[in-house]
Amino acid sequence: MQVLIYLVPTALLLGLTGLAAFLWSLKNGQYDDVEGAAIRVLKDDDITP
């Protein structure tokens, strides 16, 4: 049971870090154009005939 003293705060810290990273990515517009990357993969702009 002594290990819970270390595991619970560590789990909370990791969870809050993940939440902060997700909110940061939302604020910076990482999810604004979710279909654009899928379309860019299919383009053959770098191939010259």
C-alpha atoms as a PDB file:
ATOM      1  CA  MET A   1       0.000   0.000   0.000  1.00  0.00           C
ATOM      2  CA  GLN A   2       2.965   2.318   0.385  1.00  0.00           C
ATOM      3  CA  VAL A   3       3.433   2.373  -3.382  1.00  0.00           C
ATOM      4  CA  LEU A   4       0.077   4.139  -3.803  1.00  0.00           C
ATOM      5  CA  ILE A   5       1.621   7.230  -2.258  1.00  0.00           C
ATOM      6  CA  TYR A   6       3.831   7.439  -5.364  1.00  0.00           C
ATOM      7  CA  LEU A   7       1.533   6.014  -8.017  1.00  0.00           C
ATOM      8  CA  VAL A   8      -1.526   8.210  -7.476  1.00  0.00           C
ATOM      9  CA  PRO A   9       0.273  11.576  -7.791  1.00  0.00           C
ATOM     10  CA  THR A  10       2.280  10.242 -10.740  1.00  0.00           C
ATOM     11  CA  ALA A  11      -0.897   9.134 -12.520  1.00  0.00           C
ATOM     12  CA  LEU A  12      -2.547  12.481 -11.856  1.00  0.00           C
ATOM     13  CA  LEU A  13       0.497  14.355 -13.127  1.00  0.00           C
ATOM     14  CA  LEU A  14       0.643  12.302 -16.335  1.00  0.00           C
ATOM     15  CA  GLY A  15      -3.087  12.744 -16.898  1.00  0.00           C
ATOM     16  CA  LEU A  16      -2.903  16.499 -16.427  1.00  0.00           C
ATOM     17  CA  THR A  17       0.114  16.678 -18.743  1.00  0.00           C
ATOM     18  CA  GLY A  18      -1.785  14.829 -21.455  1.00  0.00           C
ATOM     19  CA  LEU A  19      -4.813  17.077 -20.990  1.00  0.00           C
ATOM     20  CA  ALA A  20      -2.626  20.186 -21.193  1.00  0.00           C
ATOM     21  CA  ALA A  21      -0.991  18.913 -24.396  1.00  0.00           C
ATOM     22  CA  PHE A  22      -4.411  18.210 -25.932  1.00  0.00           C
ATOM     23  CA  LEU A  23      -5.747  21.640 -25.009  1.00  0.00           C
ATOM     24  CA  TRP A  24      -2.579  23.258 -26.381  1.00  0.00           C
ATOM     25  CA  SER A  25      -3.042  21.443 -29.685  1.00  0.00           C
ATOM     26  CA  LEU A  26      -6.667  22.576 -29.861  1.00  0.00           C
ATOM     27  CA  LYS A  27      -5.636  26.177 -29.228  1.00  0.00           C
ATOM     28  CA  ASN A  28      -2.980  26.072 -31.953  1.00  0.00           C
ATOM     29  CA  GLY A  29      -5.348  24.707 -34.608  1.00  0.00           C
ATOM     30  CA  GLN A  30      -4.011  21.180 -35.015  1.00  0.00           C
ATOM     31  CA  TYR A  31      -7.513  19.827 -35.680  1.00  0.00           C
ATOM     32  CA  ASP A  32      -8.833  22.565 -37.972  1.00  0.00           C
ATOM     33  CA  ASP A  33      -8.215  20.772 -41.287  1.00  0.00           C
ATOM     34  CA  VAL A  34      -8.547  17.055 -40.656  1.00  0.00           C
ATOM     35  CA  GLU A  35      -9.293  16.129 -44.288  1.00  0.00           C
ATOM     36  CA  GLY A  36      -6.579  18.281 -45.862  1.00  0.00           C
ATOM     37  CA  ALA A  37      -3.747  15.933 -44.970  1.00  0.00           C
ATOM     38  CA  ALA A  38      -5.589  12.972 -46.468  1.00  0.00           C
ATOM     39  CA  ILE A  39      -6.040  14.822 -49.744  1.00  0.00           C
ATOM     40  CA  ARG A  40      -2.433  16.065 -49.844  1.00  0.00           C
ATOM     41  CA  VAL A  41      -1.148  12.499 -49.586  1.00  0.00           C
ATOM     42  CA  LEU A  42      -2.928  11.576 -52.793  1.00  0.00           C
ATOM     43  CA  LYS A  43      -1.566  14.462 -54.863  1.00  0.00           C
ATOM     44  CA  ASP A  44       1.332  13.774 -57.216  1.00  0.00           C
ATOM     45  CA  ASP A  45       2.809  17.269 -57.229  1.00  0.00           C
ATOM     46  CA  ASP A  46       6.376  16.107 -56.713  1.00  0.00           C
ATOM     47  CA  ILE A  47       6.405  13.796 -59.771  1.00  0.00           C
ATOM     48  CA  THR A  48       7.373  15.502 -63.023  1.00  0.00           C
ATOM     49  CA  PRO A  49       6.272  13.821 -66.277  1.00  0.00           C
END
